[in-house]
Amino acid sequence: MGKYDTANLRNLGVVAHGGAGKTSLIEAMLFNTGMTDRLGKVDDGSSNMDFEPEEIKRQITISSSLHHCVWQDHSLHLVDTPGYSNFLHDTRNCLRILGGAVMIVSAISGVKAQTQKIWAWSQEFEVPMVAFVNKMDRERADFLRAVDDMEKTLGCRGVLVNMPMGQERDFNGIIDLVSMTARTFQFDEKGTYVESEIPESYRDEAQRLRTVLLEAVADADDALMEKYLEGEELTREEVLRGLREGTLTGVFTPVLCGSATANIGVRQLLDYVNHCLPSPLDKGGQIGTRPDSDEIVERQPSESEPFAAMVFKTNSDPFTGKLTLFRVYSGELSSDSTVFNSSKQITERVGQLYQLEGKKQLPIAKAVVGDIVAVAKMKETATGDTLSSEDDAIVFDSLLQLQPVISFALKACSKNDEDKIHSGLQRLIEEDPTLKITRDEQTHELILSGMGQVHIEVAVEKLKRKYDVSVELELPKVPYRETIKGSTKLQSKYKKQSGGRGQYGEALVKGSLGGYPVVDVNAPFC
């Protein structure tokens, strides 16, 4: 994608809680931009983004996947991120390298706990967002309630850029509050609409929301504020400028609406992604340090700067080997070259560079500023490492991995599985650093730890599918130990008379916490 102007490049993630419609939205984006010839669907397993068997089986995104498209002379790198709590570590890693994001808010369920986590991470990494209220055509959909929930739960200021015409079964289009036009859709999954004047029944509400929009964009720009207070009408270009300024500075979050599965409002969303979200140039320089030093170094987003990139994800495959994904912050990198891993201070060989299209890999000649690319078979490089020029090395802050919360014991199903289990698990850990493997010294069990039960189950399924290793999950054993908890006394007598003098003895045993039994003999044997 280096042939495109960096100013027109957008590194875009789609984020939300599980089931909000992230994958469906990206499928609609790919379809509208001509990257696919049919609208992929999660329900029937035809999605381009959720292609792993474990994802198709559960109909959820387990691992982030990448694609790209071009819209209105803008090049977009699209990242579909997981939304279920077991896999949010992958979403956090992706947010670290993204320029902007589309946050989906369900018109039915509003904002959930997972979205709150993602929002907090986006604030930490300074990732501007555009919100999209999805599922407006579903039962119990409520646009204003969803926006209100977003503002109260996340503490952000939502500014409506469009509004729906109807809800649930009555939803048939959207009103653009910038151009003040109505778009009535035909529900043909092609995104076809007819543009017209705003119907009479919606004009008052549309005018009220437009006034709120104008006040918000005026707040984001002093020049616009002065013009607005003087009673002058803001032009469309000025409103768009104010929307962009307010989004980039975090003053507010633009809010749009539609339906991803029905392909309604997606083209308008793409327009505002281009208008409002930042390019690599807008994000500015990246701060790092020299290897083994506290000296601060900065890399500007320019091809004339020394090469610098961050590895944010690793895919492992038994046939193609390890696939390393990284985002370029400065300089450029060509296929069939070498690169310096400044985190480990080693040199790595770079073969063919790829741009990912779901499960497909498109060969490219070089990667430039802002590109997100992949390279196969790097030996030592892992997730979180920094790649740079050896002559002017830099190390970026590594990715913070979340800690596992649940553990299971693994039992190999056969001797052959037992021989291969360690190598297979190590490959999985390369791909997912939140998986931890340990050996319990007391029970001698192999313990696999992860972010939740589904996370562990998916790892076991991948172990079987990718490396032909079958294991069973069991609850870890708890070593049984005994200790003296209190004190006690025991007295016993021995008597035996069988003629003659007879035998007699008496013993008193005393035991106490932390001590040893003491025997007192009160009478000798006779």
Protein backbone atom coordinates (compact mmCIF):
# COMPACT_ATOMS: atom_id res chain seq x y z
CA MET A 1 0.00 0.00 0.00
CA GLY A 2 3.05 2.23 -0.18
CA LYS A 3 1.82 3.75 -3.45
CA TYR A 4 -0.78 5.71 -1.50
CA ASP A 5 -0.12 9.06 0.14
CA THR A 6 0.57 8.59 3.84
CA ALA A 7 -1.81 11.48 4.60
CA ASN A 8 -4.62 9.37 3.09
CA LEU A 9 -3.79 6.22 5.04
CA ARG A 10 -5.98 5.05 7.93
CA ASN A 11 -5.06 2.23 10.33
CA LEU A 12 -8.54 1.35 11.50
CA GLY A 13 -9.72 -1.14 14.11
CA VAL A 14 -13.33 -2.12 14.78
CA VAL A 15 -13.95 -2.69 18.49
CA ALA A 16 -16.84 -3.51 20.83
CA HIS A 17 -18.14 -6.25 23.12
CA GLY A 18 -18.80 -9.69 21.66
CA GLY A 19 -21.84 -9.99 19.43
CA ALA A 20 -22.13 -6.26 18.65
CA GLY A 21 -21.46 -6.82 14.94
CA LYS A 22 -17.77 -5.98 14.41
CA THR A 23 -17.06 -8.68 11.85
CA SER A 24 -20.31 -7.98 9.98
CA LEU A 25 -19.40 -4.30 9.73
CA ILE A 26 -15.97 -5.05 8.24
CA GLU A 27 -17.57 -7.49 5.80
CA ALA A 28 -19.91 -4.68 4.69
CA MET A 29 -16.94 -2.30 4.35
CA LEU A 30 -15.09 -4.79 2.15
CA PHE A 31 -18.17 -5.33 0.01
CA ASN A 32 -18.89 -1.62 -0.45
CA THR A 33 -15.29 -0.86 -1.42
CA GLY A 34 -15.20 -3.67 -3.99
CA MET A 35 -12.73 -5.91 -2.14
CA THR A 36 -15.28 -8.74 -2.08
CA ASP A 37 -18.06 -9.59 -4.52
CA ARG A 38 -20.53 -10.80 -1.91
CA LEU A 39 -21.50 -9.77 1.62
CA GLY A 40 -19.80 -12.23 3.95
CA LYS A 41 -21.85 -13.40 6.93
CA VAL A 42 -20.85 -14.82 10.29
CA ASP A 43 -23.98 -16.96 10.67
CA ASP A 44 -23.32 -19.14 7.61
CA GLY A 45 -19.53 -19.27 7.99
CA SER A 46 -18.85 -17.23 4.83
CA SER A 47 -17.02 -14.41 6.64
CA ASN A 48 -13.62 -13.39 5.29
CA MET A 49 -12.42 -12.31 8.73
CA ASP A 50 -13.59 -15.18 10.98
CA PHE A 51 -12.02 -18.04 9.04
CA GLU A 52 -10.52 -20.24 11.76
CA PRO A 53 -12.54 -23.44 12.43
CA GLU A 54 -12.84 -22.51 16.12
CA GLU A 55 -14.36 -19.14 15.13
CA ILE A 56 -16.78 -20.65 12.62
CA LYS A 57 -17.89 -23.22 15.21
CA ARG A 58 -18.61 -20.62 17.91
CA GLN A 59 -19.54 -17.74 15.56
CA ILE A 60 -17.27 -15.33 17.45
CA THR A 61 -13.95 -13.59 16.75
CA ILE A 62 -11.20 -15.38 18.66
CA SER A 63 -8.12 -13.86 17.06
CA SER A 64 -7.73 -10.48 15.38
CA SER A 65 -7.59 -10.60 11.58
CA LEU A 66 -6.58 -8.04 8.97
CA HIS A 67 -7.75 -6.84 5.58
CA HIS A 68 -7.52 -3.64 3.56
CA CYS A 69 -9.59 -1.55 1.16
CA VAL A 70 -9.65 1.77 -0.67
CA TRP A 71 -12.44 4.33 -0.25
CA GLN A 72 -12.50 7.78 -1.87
CA ASP A 73 -8.75 7.74 -2.56
CA HIS A 74 -8.04 6.74 1.04
CA SER A 75 -6.26 3.50 1.88
CA LEU A 76 -7.67 1.68 4.92
CA HIS A 77 -5.99 -1.10 6.92
CA LEU A 78 -8.88 -2.89 8.65
CA VAL A 79 -8.39 -4.85 11.89
CA ASP A 80 -11.22 -7.03 13.21
CA THR A 81 -10.68 -7.45 16.96
CA PRO A 82 -12.14 -9.92 19.51
CA GLY A 83 -14.84 -8.69 21.88
CA TYR A 84 -15.27 -11.56 24.33
CA SER A 85 -13.40 -11.25 27.62
CA ASN A 86 -11.37 -14.45 27.09
CA PHE A 87 -9.63 -12.92 24.07
CA LEU A 88 -9.44 -9.19 24.85
CA HIS A 89 -5.65 -9.38 25.26
CA ASP A 90 -5.43 -9.52 21.45
CA THR A 91 -7.59 -6.40 21.18
CA ARG A 92 -5.31 -4.51 23.56
CA ASN A 93 -2.24 -5.40 21.50
CA CYS A 94 -3.95 -4.16 18.33
CA LEU A 95 -4.98 -0.85 19.93
CA ARG A 96 -1.31 -0.21 20.70
CA ILE A 97 -0.51 0.17 16.98
CA LEU A 98 -3.79 1.52 15.56
CA GLY A 99 -4.31 5.11 14.47
CA GLY A 100 -8.07 5.17 15.03
CA ALA A 101 -11.05 2.91 15.62
CA VAL A 102 -14.75 2.47 15.04
CA MET A 103 -16.52 1.57 18.27
CA ILE A 104 -19.77 -0.29 17.75
CA VAL A 105 -22.61 0.38 20.19
CA SER A 106 -25.49 -2.08 20.02
CA ALA A 107 -28.87 -0.37 19.60
CA ILE A 108 -30.31 -3.26 21.63
CA SER A 109 -27.90 -3.87 24.53
CA GLY A 110 -25.95 -0.59 24.59
CA VAL A 111 -22.48 -0.67 26.17
CA LYS A 112 -21.19 -3.72 28.07
CA ALA A 113 -18.24 -4.28 30.39
CA GLN A 114 -15.90 -5.42 27.60
CA THR A 115 -16.48 -2.16 25.71
CA GLN A 116 -15.63 -0.24 28.88
CA LYS A 117 -12.25 -2.01 29.04
CA ILE A 118 -11.59 -1.33 25.37
CA TRP A 119 -12.53 2.33 25.78
CA ALA A 120 -10.10 2.67 28.70
CA TRP A 121 -7.31 1.14 26.61
CA SER A 122 -8.10 3.47 23.70
CA GLN A 123 -7.69 6.41 26.07
CA GLU A 124 -4.39 4.98 27.32
CA PHE A 125 -3.03 4.65 23.79
CA GLU A 126 -4.69 7.88 22.57
CA VAL A 127 -6.73 6.20 19.84
CA PRO A 128 -9.51 8.50 18.51
CA MET A 129 -12.85 6.83 17.83
CA VAL A 130 -15.98 7.14 15.74
CA ALA A 131 -19.06 5.40 17.19
CA PHE A 132 -21.53 3.39 15.10
CA VAL A 133 -24.89 2.43 16.61
CA ASN A 134 -25.56 -0.94 14.99
CA LYS A 135 -28.62 -3.21 14.63
CA MET A 136 -31.13 -0.39 14.14
CA ASP A 137 -33.37 -2.83 12.24
CA ARG A 138 -33.60 -5.32 15.11
CA GLU A 139 -36.34 -5.74 17.70
CA ARG A 140 -35.95 -3.50 20.81
CA ALA A 141 -33.54 -1.15 18.99
CA ASP A 142 -33.42 2.35 20.49
CA PHE A 143 -30.96 4.86 19.03
CA LEU A 144 -31.07 7.63 21.64
CA ARG A 145 -31.03 5.16 24.53
CA ALA A 146 -27.86 3.56 23.11
CA VAL A 147 -26.17 6.96 22.74
CA ASP A 148 -27.18 7.93 26.27
CA ASP A 149 -25.81 4.64 27.60
CA MET A 150 -22.54 5.28 25.76
CA GLU A 151 -22.16 8.74 27.27
CA LYS A 152 -23.04 7.69 30.83
CA THR A 153 -21.05 4.46 30.87
CA LEU A 154 -17.92 5.65 29.08
CA GLY A 155 -18.00 9.27 30.18
CA CYS A 156 -17.58 10.55 26.64
CA ARG A 157 -19.47 13.22 24.72
CA GLY A 158 -21.34 11.78 21.75
CA VAL A 159 -22.12 14.09 18.84
CA LEU A 160 -24.71 12.78 16.39
CA VAL A 161 -23.68 13.05 12.75
CA ASN A 162 -26.77 11.28 11.46
CA MET A 163 -30.03 9.97 12.90
CA PRO A 164 -32.30 7.05 11.99
CA MET A 165 -35.62 7.25 10.23
CA GLY A 166 -37.67 4.83 12.31
CA GLN A 167 -36.52 1.95 14.49
CA GLU A 168 -36.92 -1.83 14.59
CA ARG A 169 -39.20 -2.90 11.71
CA ASP A 170 -39.90 0.73 10.83
CA PHE A 171 -36.22 1.54 10.25
CA ASN A 172 -35.82 2.46 6.58
CA GLY A 173 -33.06 5.05 6.34
CA ILE A 174 -30.89 7.73 7.90
CA ILE A 175 -30.78 11.52 7.96
CA ASP A 176 -27.40 13.18 7.44
CA LEU A 177 -27.26 16.08 9.90
CA VAL A 178 -24.34 17.72 8.07
CA SER A 179 -25.95 17.95 4.63
CA MET A 180 -29.51 17.82 6.04
CA THR A 181 -30.67 15.22 3.53
CA ALA A 182 -32.52 11.94 3.93
CA ARG A 183 -31.39 8.60 2.52
CA THR A 184 -34.00 5.87 2.15
CA PHE A 185 -32.55 2.38 1.67
CA GLN A 186 -33.92 -0.50 -0.37
CA PHE A 187 -32.74 -3.33 1.94
CA ASP A 188 -31.10 -5.20 -0.96
CA GLU A 189 -27.79 -5.75 0.92
CA LYS A 190 -26.09 -3.59 -1.73
CA GLY A 191 -26.42 -0.38 0.26
CA THR A 192 -28.64 1.17 -2.41
CA TYR A 193 -30.46 4.30 -1.29
CA VAL A 194 -32.47 7.23 -2.65
CA GLU A 195 -31.51 10.69 -1.44
CA SER A 196 -34.30 13.19 -0.82
CA GLU A 197 -35.46 15.98 1.43
CA ILE A 198 -36.07 15.22 5.09
CA PRO A 199 -39.67 14.01 5.66
CA GLU A 200 -41.90 16.44 7.52
CA SER A 201 -42.28 14.15 10.54
CA TYR A 202 -38.49 14.21 11.18
CA ARG A 203 -37.63 17.85 10.44
CA ASP A 204 -38.01 19.27 13.94
CA GLU A 205 -35.92 16.55 15.57
CA ALA A 206 -33.31 16.76 12.81
CA GLN A 207 -33.02 20.53 13.25
CA ARG A 208 -32.66 20.14 17.02
CA LEU A 209 -29.86 17.57 16.66
CA ARG A 210 -28.13 19.66 13.98
CA THR A 211 -28.04 22.61 16.40
CA VAL A 212 -26.34 20.37 18.98
CA LEU A 213 -23.89 19.26 16.28
CA LEU A 214 -23.01 22.83 15.32
CA GLU A 215 -22.45 23.80 18.95
CA ALA A 216 -20.10 20.83 19.37
CA VAL A 217 -17.98 21.57 16.29
CA ALA A 218 -17.79 25.24 17.32
CA ASP A 219 -16.44 24.14 20.72
CA ALA A 220 -13.64 22.26 18.97
CA ASP A 221 -12.36 25.22 16.90
CA ASP A 222 -11.95 28.83 18.05
CA ALA A 223 -12.45 30.25 14.56
CA LEU A 224 -15.66 28.29 14.12
CA MET A 225 -16.83 29.35 17.57
CA GLU A 226 -16.37 33.02 16.69
CA LYS A 227 -18.27 32.62 13.44
CA TYR A 228 -21.06 30.62 15.10
CA LEU A 229 -21.53 33.19 17.90
CA GLU A 230 -21.79 35.94 15.32
CA GLY A 231 -24.78 34.12 13.87
CA GLU A 232 -23.14 33.11 10.58
CA GLU A 233 -24.01 29.77 9.00
CA LEU A 234 -21.21 27.20 9.03
CA THR A 235 -20.45 25.62 5.67
CA ARG A 236 -20.28 21.85 5.15
CA GLU A 237 -16.48 22.02 4.89
CA GLU A 238 -16.27 23.94 8.15
CA VAL A 239 -18.53 21.44 9.94
CA LEU A 240 -16.36 18.58 8.69
CA ARG A 241 -13.24 20.44 9.80
CA GLY A 242 -14.73 20.92 13.26
CA LEU A 243 -15.74 17.25 13.44
CA ARG A 244 -12.20 16.19 12.60
CA GLU A 245 -10.63 18.58 15.09
CA GLY A 246 -12.98 17.50 17.89
CA THR A 247 -12.36 13.81 17.19
CA LEU A 248 -8.57 14.08 17.07
CA THR A 249 -8.39 16.13 20.26
CA GLY A 250 -10.87 13.92 22.12
CA VAL A 251 -13.39 16.71 22.71
CA PHE A 252 -16.19 14.45 21.48
CA THR A 253 -16.94 11.21 19.63
CA PRO A 254 -18.93 11.40 16.35
CA VAL A 255 -21.90 9.00 16.35
CA LEU A 256 -23.48 7.39 13.27
CA CYS A 257 -26.09 4.67 12.94
CA GLY A 258 -27.20 1.88 10.64
CA SER A 259 -27.23 -1.89 10.23
CA ALA A 260 -24.10 -3.82 9.27
CA THR A 261 -25.88 -7.02 8.19
CA ALA A 262 -28.36 -5.04 6.03
CA ASN A 263 -25.53 -2.84 4.70
CA ILE A 264 -27.24 0.40 5.76
CA GLY A 265 -25.18 3.44 6.72
CA VAL A 266 -21.84 1.75 6.04
CA ARG A 267 -20.81 4.00 3.14
CA GLN A 268 -21.57 7.07 5.22
CA LEU A 269 -19.46 5.60 8.02
CA LEU A 270 -16.56 5.14 5.60
CA ASP A 271 -16.87 8.80 4.60
CA TYR A 272 -16.54 9.96 8.20
CA VAL A 273 -13.70 7.52 8.88
CA ASN A 274 -11.79 9.34 6.13
CA HIS A 275 -12.83 12.76 7.45
CA CYS A 276 -12.39 12.29 11.19
CA LEU A 277 -9.82 9.62 12.00
CA PRO A 278 -6.07 10.37 11.90
CA SER A 279 -3.42 9.39 9.39
CA PRO A 280 0.06 8.34 10.57
CA LEU A 281 1.14 11.95 9.97
CA ASP A 282 -1.55 13.22 12.37
CA LYS A 283 -0.39 10.82 15.10
CA GLY A 284 3.07 12.38 15.07
CA GLY A 285 6.34 10.86 16.27
CA GLN A 286 6.79 7.74 18.37
CA ILE A 287 8.92 7.86 21.52
CA GLY A 288 11.37 5.11 22.41
CA THR A 289 14.78 4.56 23.99
CA ARG A 290 18.17 3.33 22.93
CA PRO A 291 18.82 -0.38 23.57
CA ASP A 292 20.17 -0.90 27.10
CA SER A 293 19.91 2.82 27.78
CA ASP A 294 17.47 5.43 29.10
CA GLU A 295 18.28 7.86 26.29
CA ILE A 296 15.02 9.08 24.74
CA VAL A 297 14.68 8.73 20.96
CA GLU A 298 11.81 9.84 18.70
CA ARG A 299 10.85 8.57 15.26
CA GLN A 300 8.84 10.83 12.97
CA PRO A 301 6.40 9.27 10.45
CA SER A 302 8.65 9.84 7.45
CA GLU A 303 10.28 7.53 4.91
CA SER A 304 13.50 9.54 5.29
CA GLU A 305 13.77 8.52 8.96
CA PRO A 306 15.56 5.29 10.04
CA PHE A 307 13.35 2.22 9.91
CA ALA A 308 11.33 1.42 13.04
CA ALA A 309 8.38 -0.93 13.58
CA MET A 310 6.60 -2.79 16.37
CA VAL A 311 5.56 -6.46 16.35
CA PHE A 312 2.01 -6.67 17.73
CA LYS A 313 0.96 -10.19 16.77
CA THR A 314 2.36 -13.60 15.86
CA ASN A 315 0.52 -16.33 13.96
CA SER A 316 1.77 -19.90 14.03
CA ASP A 317 1.03 -22.49 11.37
CA PRO A 318 2.44 -26.03 11.07
CA PHE A 319 2.87 -25.66 7.29
CA THR A 320 3.90 -22.01 6.65
CA GLY A 321 5.64 -21.60 10.01
CA LYS A 322 5.60 -18.46 12.15
CA LEU A 323 4.05 -15.33 10.66
CA THR A 324 5.14 -12.07 12.32
CA LEU A 325 2.86 -9.01 12.03
CA PHE A 326 4.20 -5.51 12.59
CA ARG A 327 3.27 -1.87 12.05
CA VAL A 328 5.84 0.47 10.44
CA TYR A 329 6.32 3.79 12.26
CA SER A 330 9.18 5.26 10.20
CA GLY A 331 11.40 4.52 7.23
CA GLU A 332 10.74 1.64 4.85
CA LEU A 333 11.51 -2.07 4.58
CA SER A 334 11.92 -4.14 1.41
CA SER A 335 11.44 -7.84 0.85
CA ASP A 336 14.57 -10.03 0.90
CA SER A 337 16.53 -7.85 3.30
CA THR A 338 17.72 -7.88 6.91
CA VAL A 339 16.39 -6.04 9.95
CA PHE A 340 17.67 -5.48 13.48
CA ASN A 341 15.59 -6.72 16.43
CA SER A 342 16.56 -4.01 18.91
CA SER A 343 14.64 -5.64 21.78
CA LYS A 344 16.81 -8.76 21.61
CA GLN A 345 19.74 -7.08 19.78
CA ILE A 346 19.92 -9.66 17.02
CA THR A 347 19.71 -9.49 13.25
CA GLU A 348 16.80 -11.20 11.49
CA ARG A 349 16.40 -12.19 7.88
CA VAL A 350 13.32 -10.76 6.15
CA GLY A 351 12.03 -12.80 3.23
CA GLN A 352 8.83 -11.97 1.37
CA LEU A 353 6.64 -9.23 2.84
CA TYR A 354 2.89 -9.83 2.83
CA GLN A 355 -0.25 -7.82 3.21
CA LEU A 356 -2.98 -9.89 4.84
CA GLU A 357 -6.45 -10.31 3.34
CA GLY A 358 -8.17 -12.44 5.94
CA LYS A 359 -6.58 -15.86 5.60
CA LYS A 360 -4.93 -14.92 2.30
CA GLN A 361 -1.47 -13.37 1.96
CA LEU A 362 -0.76 -10.80 -0.76
CA PRO A 363 2.98 -10.43 -1.60
CA ILE A 364 4.25 -6.83 -1.66
CA ALA A 365 7.64 -5.36 -2.57
CA LYS A 366 8.08 -3.04 0.41
CA ALA A 367 6.43 -1.55 3.50
CA VAL A 368 6.39 2.17 4.23
CA VAL A 369 5.24 4.48 7.02
CA GLY A 370 1.88 3.42 8.43
CA ASP A 371 1.75 0.03 6.72
CA ILE A 372 0.73 -3.08 8.63
CA VAL A 373 2.47 -6.08 7.08
CA ALA A 374 3.60 -9.63 7.82
CA VAL A 375 6.74 -11.64 7.20
CA ALA A 376 7.22 -15.39 7.55
CA LYS A 377 9.79 -17.47 9.43
CA MET A 378 11.53 -14.91 11.61
CA LYS A 379 13.44 -17.09 14.07
CA GLU A 380 13.72 -15.15 17.34
CA THR A 381 11.33 -12.21 16.98
CA ALA A 382 8.24 -12.36 19.20
CA THR A 383 5.17 -10.28 19.98
CA GLY A 384 6.12 -6.94 21.56
CA ASP A 385 9.58 -6.73 19.98
CA THR A 386 10.84 -3.62 18.18
CA LEU A 387 12.39 -3.88 14.71
CA SER A 388 14.66 -1.04 13.63
CA SER A 389 17.75 0.06 11.76
CA GLU A 390 20.90 -1.37 13.38
CA ASP A 391 22.84 1.85 12.80
CA ASP A 392 20.23 3.96 14.63
CA ALA A 393 18.39 1.52 16.88
CA ILE A 394 15.33 2.29 18.97
CA VAL A 395 13.21 0.25 21.41
CA PHE A 396 9.53 1.02 21.92
CA ASP A 397 7.70 0.17 25.13
CA SER A 398 6.79 -3.50 24.95
CA LEU A 399 3.22 -4.72 25.03
CA LEU A 400 1.84 -5.40 28.51
CA GLN A 401 0.43 -8.92 28.58
CA LEU A 402 -2.58 -9.68 30.77
CA GLN A 403 -2.14 -12.36 33.44
CA PRO A 404 -3.95 -15.74 33.25
CA VAL A 405 -6.89 -16.25 35.60
CA ILE A 406 -7.72 -19.97 35.31
CA SER A 407 -5.74 -23.22 35.06
CA PHE A 408 -6.37 -26.80 33.91
CA ALA A 409 -4.26 -29.93 34.02
CA LEU A 410 -3.41 -31.53 30.67
CA LYS A 411 -3.41 -35.28 30.19
CA ALA A 412 -2.01 -36.68 26.93
CA CYS A 413 -4.30 -39.21 25.30
CA SER A 414 -1.42 -41.42 24.10
CA LYS A 415 2.33 -41.86 24.34
CA ASN A 416 2.71 -40.27 20.92
CA ASP A 417 0.76 -37.21 22.10
CA GLU A 418 2.92 -37.00 25.21
CA ASP A 419 6.07 -36.82 23.06
CA LYS A 420 4.69 -33.94 20.94
CA ILE A 421 2.76 -31.97 23.54
CA HIS A 422 5.58 -29.62 24.59
CA SER A 423 6.57 -28.53 21.09
CA GLY A 424 2.92 -27.93 20.16
CA LEU A 425 2.26 -25.87 23.27
CA GLN A 426 5.35 -23.75 22.69
CA ARG A 427 4.09 -22.88 19.21
CA LEU A 428 0.72 -21.88 20.66
CA ILE A 429 2.40 -19.70 23.29
CA GLU A 430 4.35 -17.91 20.54
CA GLU A 431 1.00 -17.04 18.98
CA ASP A 432 -0.74 -16.21 22.26
CA PRO A 433 1.59 -15.01 25.06
CA THR A 434 -1.24 -15.01 27.63
CA LEU A 435 -1.16 -18.81 27.63
CA LYS A 436 1.19 -20.13 30.33
CA ILE A 437 2.48 -23.68 30.73
CA THR A 438 4.01 -24.99 33.99
CA ARG A 439 4.82 -28.31 35.65
CA ASP A 440 3.57 -28.84 39.21
CA GLU A 441 6.54 -30.23 41.11
CA GLN A 442 4.40 -32.01 43.70
CA THR A 443 1.67 -33.57 41.55
CA HIS A 444 3.85 -33.77 38.38
CA GLU A 445 0.90 -32.49 36.33
CA LEU A 446 1.27 -30.29 33.25
CA ILE A 447 -0.72 -27.11 33.97
CA LEU A 448 -2.10 -24.86 31.20
CA SER A 449 -3.27 -21.39 32.30
CA GLY A 450 -5.29 -18.85 30.33
CA MET A 451 -7.84 -16.03 30.41
CA GLY A 452 -10.90 -18.27 30.81
CA GLN A 453 -12.30 -21.74 30.19
CA VAL A 454 -13.20 -20.99 26.56
CA HIS A 455 -9.66 -19.67 26.03
CA ILE A 456 -8.21 -22.97 27.30
CA GLU A 457 -10.68 -25.05 25.27
CA VAL A 458 -9.81 -23.17 22.08
CA ALA A 459 -6.10 -23.73 22.75
CA VAL A 460 -6.70 -27.47 23.13
CA GLU A 461 -8.70 -27.54 19.88
CA LYS A 462 -5.89 -25.72 18.05
CA LEU A 463 -3.36 -28.13 19.54
CA LYS A 464 -5.26 -31.02 17.97
CA ARG A 465 -6.01 -29.32 14.63
CA LYS A 466 -2.60 -27.75 13.99
CA TYR A 467 -0.17 -30.18 15.62
CA ASP A 468 -2.18 -33.42 15.90
CA VAL A 469 -1.82 -33.57 19.69
CA SER A 470 -4.84 -34.85 21.63
CA VAL A 471 -5.13 -33.96 25.32
CA GLU A 472 -7.82 -34.07 27.97
CA LEU A 473 -8.57 -31.25 30.39
CA GLU A 474 -8.77 -32.11 34.09
CA LEU A 475 -9.05 -30.11 37.28
CA PRO A 476 -5.58 -29.69 38.82
CA LYS A 477 -4.90 -31.90 41.83
CA VAL A 478 -4.39 -30.26 45.20
CA PRO A 479 -1.54 -31.89 47.19
CA TYR A 480 -2.92 -33.39 50.44
CA ARG A 481 -0.94 -32.51 53.54
CA GLU A 482 -1.42 -33.26 57.28
CA THR A 483 -0.19 -31.40 60.32
CA ILE A 484 -0.90 -31.34 64.07
CA LYS A 485 -3.49 -28.67 64.79
CA GLY A 486 -3.79 -28.98 68.59
CA SER A 487 -2.64 -30.80 71.76
CA THR A 488 -3.95 -34.05 73.20
CA LYS A 489 -3.25 -36.68 75.86
CA LEU A 490 -3.59 -40.43 75.67
CA GLN A 491 -3.20 -42.79 78.64
CA SER A 492 -3.08 -46.57 78.39
CA LYS A 493 -2.54 -49.47 80.83
CA TYR A 494 -1.27 -52.96 80.25
CA LYS A 495 -2.16 -55.86 82.55
CA LYS A 496 -1.52 -59.56 82.16
CA GLN A 497 -1.87 -62.29 84.81
CA SER A 498 -1.15 -65.87 83.75
CA GLY A 499 0.29 -67.21 86.94
CA GLY A 500 3.26 -66.12 88.88
CA ARG A 501 4.02 -62.46 89.38
CA GLY A 502 2.04 -61.14 86.29
CA GLN A 503 2.76 -58.08 84.09
CA TYR A 504 1.66 -54.46 84.48
CA GLY A 505 2.51 -51.16 82.73
CA GLU A 506 1.10 -47.65 82.25
CA ALA A 507 2.00 -45.04 79.52
CA LEU A 508 0.93 -41.41 79.02
CA VAL A 509 1.37 -39.85 75.50
CA LYS A 510 1.29 -36.06 75.13
CA GLY A 511 1.17 -34.29 71.70
CA SER A 512 1.17 -30.57 70.87
CA LEU A 513 1.09 -28.29 67.77
CA GLY A 514 4.55 -28.00 66.22
CA GLY A 515 6.10 -30.56 68.58
CA TYR A 516 6.77 -34.28 68.76
CA PRO A 517 4.90 -36.88 70.86
CA VAL A 518 6.34 -37.35 74.39
CA VAL A 519 5.95 -40.64 76.19
CA ASP A 520 5.97 -40.79 80.01
CA VAL A 521 6.22 -44.23 81.57
CA ASN A 522 4.55 -44.09 84.94
CA ALA A 523 5.03 -47.69 85.97
CA PRO A 524 7.65 -50.18 84.79
CA PHE A 525 6.71 -53.53 83.43
CA CYS A 526 6.77 -56.15 86.11
